Amino acid sequence: FFNQGVAPEVLRSGLMRVLKFFFFPMTHELMWGKPVSQGTPLEKAAAGALCTLPESLTIMPLELAKVGLQLDKTNRYKSSSAAVLAGMRSVHGLRGWWVGWVGVQWRQSSWTATYFATLSGFEDLTRRALGEERAGSMPQLVQLVSGFAAGFLGACFNVPGDLIRTDVQRRALLGVAAAAEKPPPP
């Protein structure tokens, strides 16, 4: 269970969401001088894209550890995220922990921008579909449906970035494995 990268994935996912929902309202207010509730979809999209910079930089080592453990068919890393990161650092230096950053930034910013830009629109659509009286008595349903729709739409835009990130990281990790198998010079 844990040797397939589940532990770093759970930590990465939790941290990612905390950072996203912490930085978004602050970024929106700093950029536009008004609360999110008064922002336009375009303003929310811009703030959503920008607020993911610290998120992406923070989650990168966990992202890399997850992929490294998922690719480790020979148990080279002994289910250790730290061993994956040590291997990357030995071959690529400390910057190796951020291999694939462009793909992660694309994924995070495109999903977050789309989600926050469309969420209030999906809330309005959901309220209209349910009728104001019913929607007023079921605010959690409105949140669930609109959040799902905004998240689904965001995923449509973030998949290419995620595929790029995975491929770049896979190639870098294979380079670490090849360097480990190479005999030392005489």
N, C-alpha and C. Protein backbone atom coordinates (compact mmCIF):
# COMPACT_ATOMS: atom_id res chain seq x y z
N PHE A 1 0.83 -1.20 0.00
CA PHE A 1 0.00 0.00 0.00
C PHE A 1 0.87 1.26 0.00
N PHE A 2 1.81 1.35 0.94
CA PHE A 2 2.62 2.55 1.04
C PHE A 2 3.77 2.57 0.05
N ASN A 3 4.17 1.39 -0.47
CA ASN A 3 5.29 1.39 -1.41
C ASN A 3 4.87 1.88 -2.80
N GLN A 4 3.62 2.18 -3.01
CA GLN A 4 3.17 2.71 -4.29
C GLN A 4 2.98 4.22 -4.25
N GLY A 5 3.54 4.87 -3.24
CA GLY A 5 3.50 6.32 -3.20
C GLY A 5 2.26 6.91 -2.57
N VAL A 6 1.50 6.12 -1.82
CA VAL A 6 0.27 6.62 -1.23
C VAL A 6 0.56 7.65 -0.14
N ALA A 7 1.55 7.40 0.70
CA ALA A 7 1.85 8.33 1.80
C ALA A 7 2.21 9.72 1.28
N PRO A 8 3.16 9.84 0.32
CA PRO A 8 3.44 11.20 -0.17
C PRO A 8 2.26 11.81 -0.91
N GLU A 9 1.44 10.97 -1.56
CA GLU A 9 0.26 11.49 -2.27
C GLU A 9 -0.75 12.08 -1.30
N VAL A 10 -1.01 11.39 -0.19
CA VAL A 10 -1.97 11.89 0.80
C VAL A 10 -1.46 13.20 1.41
N LEU A 11 -0.18 13.23 1.76
CA LEU A 11 0.40 14.44 2.32
C LEU A 11 0.37 15.57 1.31
N ARG A 12 0.74 15.29 0.07
CA ARG A 12 0.75 16.30 -1.00
C ARG A 12 -0.65 16.86 -1.23
N SER A 13 -1.63 15.97 -1.31
CA SER A 13 -3.01 16.40 -1.58
C SER A 13 -3.56 17.28 -0.47
N GLY A 14 -3.32 16.89 0.76
CA GLY A 14 -3.80 17.69 1.88
C GLY A 14 -3.13 19.06 1.91
N LEU A 15 -1.82 19.07 1.79
CA LEU A 15 -1.07 20.32 1.81
C LEU A 15 -1.47 21.22 0.65
N MET A 16 -1.65 20.63 -0.51
CA MET A 16 -2.03 21.38 -1.71
C MET A 16 -3.36 22.11 -1.49
N ARG A 17 -4.33 21.41 -0.94
CA ARG A 17 -5.64 22.04 -0.73
C ARG A 17 -5.60 23.12 0.34
N VAL A 18 -4.85 22.89 1.40
CA VAL A 18 -4.73 23.91 2.44
C VAL A 18 -4.12 25.18 1.85
N LEU A 19 -3.03 25.03 1.10
CA LEU A 19 -2.37 26.19 0.51
C LEU A 19 -3.26 26.89 -0.50
N LYS A 20 -3.95 26.13 -1.35
CA LYS A 20 -4.82 26.71 -2.38
C LYS A 20 -5.92 27.57 -1.75
N PHE A 21 -6.62 26.99 -0.79
CA PHE A 21 -7.76 27.71 -0.22
C PHE A 21 -7.34 28.76 0.81
N PHE A 22 -6.08 28.72 1.25
CA PHE A 22 -5.54 29.75 2.13
C PHE A 22 -5.09 30.96 1.31
N PHE A 23 -4.34 30.71 0.23
CA PHE A 23 -3.77 31.80 -0.55
C PHE A 23 -4.75 32.46 -1.51
N PHE A 24 -5.76 31.75 -1.98
CA PHE A 24 -6.66 32.33 -2.98
C PHE A 24 -7.34 33.62 -2.52
N PRO A 25 -8.03 33.64 -1.38
CA PRO A 25 -8.71 34.89 -1.02
C PRO A 25 -7.73 36.04 -0.78
N MET A 26 -6.56 35.73 -0.20
CA MET A 26 -5.57 36.78 0.04
C MET A 26 -5.03 37.32 -1.29
N THR A 27 -4.75 36.44 -2.23
CA THR A 27 -4.24 36.85 -3.52
C THR A 27 -5.26 37.70 -4.26
N HIS A 28 -6.52 37.28 -4.22
CA HIS A 28 -7.58 38.04 -4.87
C HIS A 28 -7.67 39.44 -4.28
N GLU A 29 -7.67 39.52 -2.98
CA GLU A 29 -7.78 40.84 -2.32
C GLU A 29 -6.56 41.71 -2.62
N LEU A 30 -5.36 41.13 -2.62
CA LEU A 30 -4.16 41.91 -2.94
C LEU A 30 -4.16 42.39 -4.40
N MET A 31 -4.61 41.54 -5.29
CA MET A 31 -4.61 41.90 -6.72
C MET A 31 -5.68 42.93 -7.06
N TRP A 32 -6.86 42.77 -6.50
CA TRP A 32 -8.00 43.56 -6.96
C TRP A 32 -8.56 44.51 -5.92
N GLY A 33 -8.07 44.42 -4.68
CA GLY A 33 -8.53 45.35 -3.64
C GLY A 33 -9.98 45.15 -3.22
N LYS A 34 -10.48 43.94 -3.40
CA LYS A 34 -11.85 43.64 -3.00
C LYS A 34 -11.96 42.16 -2.67
N PRO A 35 -12.97 41.80 -1.87
CA PRO A 35 -13.12 40.40 -1.50
C PRO A 35 -13.56 39.55 -2.71
N VAL A 36 -13.36 38.25 -2.59
CA VAL A 36 -13.70 37.31 -3.65
C VAL A 36 -15.16 37.45 -4.06
N SER A 37 -16.04 37.68 -3.09
CA SER A 37 -17.48 37.77 -3.40
C SER A 37 -17.81 38.90 -4.36
N GLN A 38 -16.93 39.88 -4.48
CA GLN A 38 -17.16 41.00 -5.40
C GLN A 38 -16.35 40.89 -6.69
N GLY A 39 -15.59 39.80 -6.84
CA GLY A 39 -14.74 39.64 -8.01
C GLY A 39 -15.49 39.10 -9.22
N THR A 40 -15.00 39.46 -10.38
CA THR A 40 -15.54 38.91 -11.63
C THR A 40 -14.91 37.54 -11.87
N PRO A 41 -15.49 36.75 -12.76
CA PRO A 41 -14.86 35.46 -13.08
C PRO A 41 -13.41 35.61 -13.57
N LEU A 42 -13.14 36.63 -14.38
CA LEU A 42 -11.78 36.84 -14.88
C LEU A 42 -10.82 37.21 -13.74
N GLU A 43 -11.26 38.05 -12.82
CA GLU A 43 -10.43 38.40 -11.66
C GLU A 43 -10.16 37.18 -10.79
N LYS A 44 -11.18 36.37 -10.59
CA LYS A 44 -11.00 35.15 -9.80
C LYS A 44 -10.05 34.18 -10.50
N ALA A 45 -10.15 34.07 -11.83
CA ALA A 45 -9.25 33.19 -12.57
C ALA A 45 -7.81 33.65 -12.44
N ALA A 46 -7.57 34.94 -12.57
CA ALA A 46 -6.20 35.46 -12.47
C ALA A 46 -5.64 35.24 -11.07
N ALA A 47 -6.43 35.52 -10.05
CA ALA A 47 -5.98 35.30 -8.67
C ALA A 47 -5.76 33.81 -8.40
N GLY A 48 -6.64 32.97 -8.95
CA GLY A 48 -6.50 31.53 -8.77
C GLY A 48 -5.22 31.01 -9.41
N ALA A 49 -4.91 31.49 -10.60
CA ALA A 49 -3.68 31.05 -11.27
C ALA A 49 -2.45 31.50 -10.50
N LEU A 50 -2.44 32.73 -10.04
CA LEU A 50 -1.27 33.28 -9.35
C LEU A 50 -1.07 32.66 -7.97
N CYS A 51 -2.14 32.38 -7.27
CA CYS A 51 -2.01 31.87 -5.90
C CYS A 51 -1.40 30.47 -5.84
N THR A 52 -1.28 29.81 -6.98
CA THR A 52 -0.73 28.45 -6.98
C THR A 52 0.80 28.41 -7.03
N LEU A 53 1.45 29.54 -7.18
CA LEU A 53 2.93 29.52 -7.20
C LEU A 53 3.52 28.92 -5.93
N PRO A 54 3.19 29.42 -4.74
CA PRO A 54 3.77 28.79 -3.54
C PRO A 54 3.30 27.35 -3.35
N GLU A 55 2.09 27.07 -3.75
CA GLU A 55 1.54 25.71 -3.67
C GLU A 55 2.37 24.74 -4.51
N SER A 56 2.61 25.11 -5.77
CA SER A 56 3.36 24.23 -6.67
C SER A 56 4.79 24.01 -6.20
N LEU A 57 5.44 25.07 -5.78
CA LEU A 57 6.82 24.93 -5.30
C LEU A 57 6.90 24.07 -4.05
N THR A 58 5.89 24.15 -3.20
CA THR A 58 5.89 23.39 -1.94
C THR A 58 5.63 21.91 -2.17
N ILE A 59 4.71 21.58 -3.08
CA ILE A 59 4.33 20.18 -3.25
C ILE A 59 5.25 19.40 -4.17
N MET A 60 6.14 20.08 -4.88
CA MET A 60 6.99 19.40 -5.87
C MET A 60 7.79 18.21 -5.32
N PRO A 61 8.50 18.34 -4.21
CA PRO A 61 9.24 17.17 -3.72
C PRO A 61 8.33 15.98 -3.40
N LEU A 62 7.15 16.25 -2.86
CA LEU A 62 6.20 15.16 -2.56
C LEU A 62 5.68 14.52 -3.85
N GLU A 63 5.45 15.36 -4.85
CA GLU A 63 5.01 14.88 -6.16
C GLU A 63 6.06 13.94 -6.75
N LEU A 64 7.29 14.35 -6.68
CA LEU A 64 8.40 13.56 -7.21
C LEU A 64 8.56 12.25 -6.43
N ALA A 65 8.46 12.31 -5.12
CA ALA A 65 8.56 11.10 -4.30
C ALA A 65 7.46 10.11 -4.65
N LYS A 66 6.25 10.61 -4.84
CA LYS A 66 5.12 9.74 -5.21
C LYS A 66 5.40 9.01 -6.52
N VAL A 67 5.82 9.76 -7.54
CA VAL A 67 6.09 9.15 -8.84
C VAL A 67 7.26 8.16 -8.73
N GLY A 68 8.30 8.55 -8.00
CA GLY A 68 9.45 7.65 -7.83
C GLY A 68 9.06 6.34 -7.18
N LEU A 69 8.22 6.39 -6.17
CA LEU A 69 7.79 5.16 -5.50
C LEU A 69 6.86 4.34 -6.40
N GLN A 70 6.04 5.00 -7.18
CA GLN A 70 5.16 4.27 -8.10
C GLN A 70 5.95 3.56 -9.19
N LEU A 71 7.06 4.13 -9.60
CA LEU A 71 7.87 3.53 -10.67
C LEU A 71 8.89 2.52 -10.15
N ASP A 72 9.05 2.43 -8.85
CA ASP A 72 10.11 1.59 -8.24
C ASP A 72 9.69 0.12 -8.21
N LYS A 73 9.86 -0.55 -9.33
CA LYS A 73 9.48 -1.97 -9.42
C LYS A 73 10.52 -2.89 -8.79
N THR A 74 11.74 -2.42 -8.61
CA THR A 74 12.82 -3.25 -8.04
C THR A 74 13.02 -2.99 -6.55
N ASN A 75 12.21 -2.13 -5.97
CA ASN A 75 12.29 -1.77 -4.55
C ASN A 75 13.64 -1.12 -4.19
N ARG A 76 14.18 -0.38 -5.12
CA ARG A 76 15.44 0.33 -4.92
C ARG A 76 15.33 1.33 -3.76
N TYR A 77 14.17 1.97 -3.63
CA TYR A 77 14.00 3.01 -2.63
C TYR A 77 13.43 2.49 -1.31
N LYS A 78 13.12 1.21 -1.24
CA LYS A 78 12.61 0.57 -0.01
C LYS A 78 11.41 1.34 0.57
N SER A 79 10.52 1.78 -0.30
CA SER A 79 9.30 2.50 0.08
C SER A 79 9.60 3.79 0.83
N SER A 80 10.72 4.41 0.57
CA SER A 80 11.13 5.62 1.28
C SER A 80 11.12 6.83 0.35
N SER A 81 10.27 7.79 0.67
CA SER A 81 10.23 9.05 -0.08
C SER A 81 11.57 9.76 0.02
N ALA A 82 12.17 9.71 1.20
CA ALA A 82 13.48 10.37 1.40
C ALA A 82 14.54 9.76 0.48
N ALA A 83 14.48 8.45 0.25
CA ALA A 83 15.45 7.80 -0.64
C ALA A 83 15.26 8.26 -2.08
N VAL A 84 14.02 8.45 -2.51
CA VAL A 84 13.76 8.96 -3.86
C VAL A 84 14.37 10.35 -4.00
N LEU A 85 14.11 11.21 -3.03
CA LEU A 85 14.63 12.57 -3.09
C LEU A 85 16.15 12.60 -3.01
N ALA A 86 16.74 11.72 -2.20
CA ALA A 86 18.20 11.64 -2.11
C ALA A 86 18.80 11.22 -3.45
N GLY A 87 18.16 10.27 -4.12
CA GLY A 87 18.62 9.84 -5.43
C GLY A 87 18.57 10.96 -6.45
N MET A 88 17.47 11.70 -6.46
CA MET A 88 17.35 12.83 -7.38
C MET A 88 18.40 13.89 -7.08
N ARG A 89 18.62 14.14 -5.82
CA ARG A 89 19.61 15.17 -5.44
C ARG A 89 21.02 14.73 -5.83
N SER A 90 21.32 13.46 -5.69
CA SER A 90 22.67 12.99 -6.02
C SER A 90 22.98 13.11 -7.50
N VAL A 91 21.97 12.98 -8.35
CA VAL A 91 22.19 13.06 -9.79
C VAL A 91 21.97 14.47 -10.34
N HIS A 92 20.96 15.15 -9.84
CA HIS A 92 20.55 16.44 -10.42
C HIS A 92 20.81 17.63 -9.50
N GLY A 93 21.34 17.41 -8.31
CA GLY A 93 21.48 18.49 -7.35
C GLY A 93 20.14 18.80 -6.70
N LEU A 94 20.11 19.79 -5.86
CA LEU A 94 18.87 20.15 -5.16
C LEU A 94 17.76 20.55 -6.12
N ARG A 95 18.13 21.13 -7.26
CA ARG A 95 17.10 21.52 -8.25
C ARG A 95 16.35 20.30 -8.79
N GLY A 96 16.92 19.11 -8.61
CA GLY A 96 16.25 17.89 -9.05
C GLY A 96 14.93 17.65 -8.34
N TRP A 97 14.75 18.24 -7.17
CA TRP A 97 13.48 18.08 -6.46
C TRP A 97 12.34 18.82 -7.14
N TRP A 98 12.68 19.71 -8.07
CA TRP A 98 11.65 20.49 -8.77
C TRP A 98 11.59 20.15 -10.25
N VAL A 99 12.11 18.98 -10.63
CA VAL A 99 11.99 18.52 -12.02
C VAL A 99 10.50 18.33 -12.32
N GLY A 100 10.05 18.89 -13.42
CA GLY A 100 8.65 18.79 -13.81
C GLY A 100 7.80 19.93 -13.28
N TRP A 101 8.43 20.97 -12.75
CA TRP A 101 7.68 22.08 -12.15
C TRP A 101 6.72 22.73 -13.16
N VAL A 102 7.13 22.88 -14.40
CA VAL A 102 6.26 23.54 -15.39
C VAL A 102 4.95 22.78 -15.53
N GLY A 103 5.02 21.47 -15.59
CA GLY A 103 3.80 20.67 -15.69
C GLY A 103 2.92 20.79 -14.46
N VAL A 104 3.56 20.78 -13.29
CA VAL A 104 2.79 20.93 -12.04
C VAL A 104 2.17 22.32 -11.97
N GLN A 105 2.93 23.35 -12.35
CA GLN A 105 2.38 24.71 -12.32
C GLN A 105 1.21 24.83 -13.28
N TRP A 106 1.34 24.25 -14.45
CA TRP A 106 0.24 24.25 -15.43
C TRP A 106 -0.98 23.58 -14.82
N ARG A 107 -0.77 22.39 -14.26
CA ARG A 107 -1.88 21.64 -13.68
C ARG A 107 -2.55 22.43 -12.56
N GLN A 108 -1.78 22.94 -11.63
CA GLN A 108 -2.34 23.63 -10.47
C GLN A 108 -3.02 24.94 -10.88
N SER A 109 -2.35 25.73 -11.71
CA SER A 109 -2.93 27.04 -12.05
C SER A 109 -4.15 26.90 -12.95
N SER A 110 -4.14 25.97 -13.89
CA SER A 110 -5.31 25.83 -14.77
C SER A 110 -6.52 25.31 -14.01
N TRP A 111 -6.32 24.34 -13.11
CA TRP A 111 -7.45 23.83 -12.34
C TRP A 111 -7.98 24.92 -11.41
N THR A 112 -7.10 25.58 -10.69
CA THR A 112 -7.52 26.57 -9.69
C THR A 112 -8.19 27.76 -10.36
N ALA A 113 -7.63 28.24 -11.46
CA ALA A 113 -8.24 29.37 -12.18
C ALA A 113 -9.63 29.00 -12.66
N THR A 114 -9.77 27.84 -13.26
CA THR A 114 -11.07 27.40 -13.78
C THR A 114 -12.07 27.21 -12.65
N TYR A 115 -11.63 26.56 -11.57
CA TYR A 115 -12.52 26.28 -10.44
C TYR A 115 -13.09 27.58 -9.86
N PHE A 116 -12.21 28.49 -9.49
CA PHE A 116 -12.70 29.71 -8.83
C PHE A 116 -13.43 30.64 -9.80
N ALA A 117 -13.08 30.61 -11.08
CA ALA A 117 -13.77 31.46 -12.06
C ALA A 117 -15.20 30.98 -12.33
N THR A 118 -15.43 29.68 -12.21
CA THR A 118 -16.74 29.14 -12.59
C THR A 118 -17.63 28.73 -11.41
N LEU A 119 -17.07 28.68 -10.21
CA LEU A 119 -17.83 28.18 -9.06
C LEU A 119 -19.13 28.95 -8.82
N SER A 120 -19.07 30.28 -8.78
CA SER A 120 -20.30 31.04 -8.49
C SER A 120 -21.31 30.90 -9.63
N GLY A 121 -20.85 30.76 -10.86
CA GLY A 121 -21.76 30.53 -11.98
C GLY A 121 -22.48 29.20 -11.85
N PHE A 122 -21.73 28.16 -11.45
CA PHE A 122 -22.37 26.86 -11.23
C PHE A 122 -23.31 26.88 -10.03
N GLU A 123 -22.99 27.69 -9.02
CA GLU A 123 -23.91 27.83 -7.89
C GLU A 123 -25.23 28.45 -8.35
N ASP A 124 -25.15 29.48 -9.19
CA ASP A 124 -26.36 30.12 -9.71
C ASP A 124 -27.18 29.14 -10.56
N LEU A 125 -26.50 28.38 -11.42
CA LEU A 125 -27.20 27.38 -12.25
C LEU A 125 -27.88 26.32 -11.39
N THR A 126 -27.18 25.87 -10.35
CA THR A 126 -27.74 24.84 -9.47
C THR A 126 -28.96 25.38 -8.73
N ARG A 127 -28.87 26.61 -8.24
CA ARG A 127 -30.03 27.22 -7.54
C ARG A 127 -31.24 27.34 -8.47
N ARG A 128 -30.98 27.76 -9.70
CA ARG A 128 -32.09 27.88 -10.67
C ARG A 128 -32.69 26.53 -10.99
N ALA A 129 -31.83 25.51 -11.14
CA ALA A 129 -32.32 24.16 -11.47
C ALA A 129 -33.15 23.59 -10.33
N LEU A 130 -32.74 23.85 -9.10
CA LEU A 130 -33.49 23.34 -7.94
C LEU A 130 -34.69 24.21 -7.58
N GLY A 131 -34.64 25.46 -7.99
CA GLY A 131 -35.66 26.42 -7.54
C GLY A 131 -35.15 27.07 -6.26
N GLU A 132 -35.39 28.34 -6.13
CA GLU A 132 -34.84 29.09 -5.00
C GLU A 132 -35.26 28.53 -3.63
N GLU A 133 -36.51 28.12 -3.51
CA GLU A 133 -36.99 27.61 -2.21
C GLU A 133 -36.27 26.32 -1.83
N ARG A 134 -36.22 25.39 -2.78
CA ARG A 134 -35.54 24.12 -2.51
C ARG A 134 -34.04 24.32 -2.30
N ALA A 135 -33.43 25.17 -3.14
CA ALA A 135 -31.99 25.44 -3.02
C ALA A 135 -31.68 26.08 -1.68
N GLY A 136 -32.57 26.96 -1.20
CA GLY A 136 -32.37 27.60 0.09
C GLY A 136 -32.43 26.63 1.25
N SER A 137 -33.19 25.56 1.09
CA SER A 137 -33.29 24.57 2.16
C SER A 137 -32.20 23.49 2.06
N MET A 138 -31.44 23.49 0.98
CA MET A 138 -30.38 22.50 0.80
C MET A 138 -29.07 23.16 0.34
N PRO A 139 -28.50 24.05 1.15
CA PRO A 139 -27.29 24.75 0.71
C PRO A 139 -26.10 23.80 0.50
N GLN A 140 -26.05 22.71 1.27
CA GLN A 140 -24.94 21.76 1.09
C GLN A 140 -25.02 21.09 -0.28
N LEU A 141 -26.22 20.80 -0.75
CA LEU A 141 -26.39 20.20 -2.07
C LEU A 141 -25.93 21.18 -3.15
N VAL A 142 -26.27 22.45 -3.00
CA VAL A 142 -25.83 23.46 -3.96
C VAL A 142 -24.31 23.52 -3.98
N GLN A 143 -23.68 23.51 -2.81
CA GLN A 143 -22.22 23.52 -2.74
C GLN A 143 -21.61 22.27 -3.37
N LEU A 144 -22.19 21.12 -3.08
CA LEU A 144 -21.67 19.86 -3.61
C LEU A 144 -21.75 19.82 -5.13
N VAL A 145 -22.90 20.14 -5.68
CA VAL A 145 -23.09 20.07 -7.13
C VAL A 145 -22.23 21.12 -7.84
N SER A 146 -22.24 22.33 -7.34
CA SER A 146 -21.46 23.38 -8.01
C SER A 146 -19.97 23.15 -7.86
N GLY A 147 -19.52 22.69 -6.71
CA GLY A 147 -18.11 22.37 -6.52
C GLY A 147 -17.67 21.23 -7.41
N PHE A 148 -18.52 20.22 -7.55
CA PHE A 148 -18.20 19.10 -8.44
C PHE A 148 -18.09 19.59 -9.88
N ALA A 149 -19.05 20.38 -10.32
CA ALA A 149 -19.04 20.86 -11.71
C ALA A 149 -17.82 21.73 -11.99
N ALA A 150 -17.50 22.65 -11.09
CA ALA A 150 -16.33 23.52 -11.28
C ALA A 150 -15.04 22.70 -11.24
N GLY A 151 -14.96 21.74 -10.35
CA GLY A 151 -13.78 20.87 -10.27
C GLY A 151 -13.63 20.00 -11.49
N PHE A 152 -14.73 19.47 -12.00
CA PHE A 152 -14.70 18.64 -13.21
C PHE A 152 -14.22 19.46 -14.40
N LEU A 153 -14.75 20.66 -14.55
CA LEU A 153 -14.32 21.52 -15.65
C LEU A 153 -12.84 21.86 -15.52
N GLY A 154 -12.39 22.15 -14.30
CA GLY A 154 -10.97 22.43 -14.07
C GLY A 154 -10.10 21.26 -14.47
N ALA A 155 -10.55 20.04 -14.18
CA ALA A 155 -9.77 18.85 -14.53
C ALA A 155 -9.61 18.70 -16.04
N CYS A 156 -10.58 19.16 -16.80
CA CYS A 156 -10.47 19.09 -18.26
C CYS A 156 -9.28 19.90 -18.76
N PHE A 157 -8.95 20.98 -18.06
CA PHE A 157 -7.84 21.84 -18.48
C PHE A 157 -6.50 21.43 -17.87
N ASN A 158 -6.51 20.70 -16.75
CA ASN A 158 -5.24 20.41 -16.08
C ASN A 158 -4.60 19.10 -16.51
N VAL A 159 -5.32 18.24 -17.18
CA VAL A 159 -4.77 16.93 -17.55
C VAL A 159 -3.52 17.02 -18.43
N PRO A 160 -3.48 17.87 -19.46
CA PRO A 160 -2.25 17.92 -20.26
C PRO A 160 -1.01 18.28 -19.42
N GLY A 161 -1.14 19.23 -18.51
CA GLY A 161 -0.02 19.59 -17.65
C GLY A 161 0.42 18.44 -16.77
N ASP A 162 -0.53 17.67 -16.29
CA ASP A 162 -0.20 16.53 -15.44
C ASP A 162 0.53 15.45 -16.24
N LEU A 163 0.13 15.23 -17.47
CA LEU A 163 0.80 14.24 -18.32
C LEU A 163 2.24 14.66 -18.62
N ILE A 164 2.43 15.93 -18.90
CA ILE A 164 3.77 16.46 -19.14
C ILE A 164 4.63 16.27 -17.89
N ARG A 165 4.10 16.64 -16.75
CA ARG A 165 4.83 16.52 -15.48
C ARG A 165 5.24 15.07 -15.22
N THR A 166 4.33 14.15 -15.40
CA THR A 166 4.63 12.74 -15.15
C THR A 166 5.73 12.24 -16.08
N ASP A 167 5.66 12.60 -17.35
CA ASP A 167 6.66 12.13 -18.29
C ASP A 167 8.04 12.71 -17.98
N VAL A 168 8.11 13.99 -17.68
CA VAL A 168 9.40 14.63 -17.35
C VAL A 168 9.99 14.00 -16.09
N GLN A 169 9.16 13.81 -15.07
CA GLN A 169 9.66 13.22 -13.83
C GLN A 169 10.06 11.76 -14.02
N ARG A 170 9.30 11.02 -14.81
CA ARG A 170 9.64 9.62 -15.08
C ARG A 170 11.00 9.51 -15.73
N ARG A 171 11.26 10.36 -16.73
CA ARG A 171 12.56 10.33 -17.40
C ARG A 171 13.70 10.69 -16.45
N ALA A 172 13.49 11.68 -15.60
CA ALA A 172 14.53 12.07 -14.64
C ALA A 172 14.79 10.95 -13.64
N LEU A 173 13.75 10.29 -13.19
CA LEU A 173 13.92 9.18 -12.24
C LEU A 173 14.59 7.98 -12.89
N LEU A 174 14.31 7.73 -14.15
CA LEU A 174 15.01 6.66 -14.86
C LEU A 174 16.49 6.99 -15.01
N GLY A 175 16.81 8.27 -15.14
CA GLY A 175 18.21 8.70 -15.17
C GLY A 175 18.91 8.44 -13.85
N VAL A 176 18.19 8.59 -12.74
CA VAL A 176 18.75 8.28 -11.43
C VAL A 176 19.04 6.79 -11.33
N ALA A 177 18.10 5.98 -11.80
CA ALA A 177 18.30 4.52 -11.76
C ALA A 177 19.48 4.12 -12.63
N ALA A 178 19.61 4.71 -13.81
CA ALA A 178 20.72 4.39 -14.70
C ALA A 178 22.05 4.80 -14.08
N ALA A 179 22.09 5.95 -13.41
CA ALA A 179 23.32 6.41 -12.76
C ALA A 179 23.70 5.48 -11.61
N ALA A 180 22.72 4.94 -10.92
CA ALA A 180 22.99 4.03 -9.80
C ALA A 180 23.54 2.70 -10.29
N GLU A 181 23.14 2.27 -11.48
CA GLU A 181 23.59 1.00 -12.02
C GLU A 181 24.93 1.08 -12.74
N LYS A 182 25.35 2.30 -13.07
CA LYS A 182 26.61 2.49 -13.79
C LYS A 182 27.78 2.19 -12.84
N PRO A 183 28.72 1.36 -13.28
CA PRO A 183 29.86 1.07 -12.41
C PRO A 183 30.73 2.29 -12.21
N PRO A 184 31.34 2.44 -11.03
CA PRO A 184 32.20 3.60 -10.79
C PRO A 184 33.42 3.55 -11.69
N PRO A 185 33.95 4.72 -12.05
CA PRO A 185 35.12 4.75 -12.92
C PRO A 185 36.34 4.13 -12.22
N PRO A 186 37.21 3.49 -12.98
CA PRO A 186 38.37 2.82 -12.37
C PRO A 186 39.40 3.79 -11.83
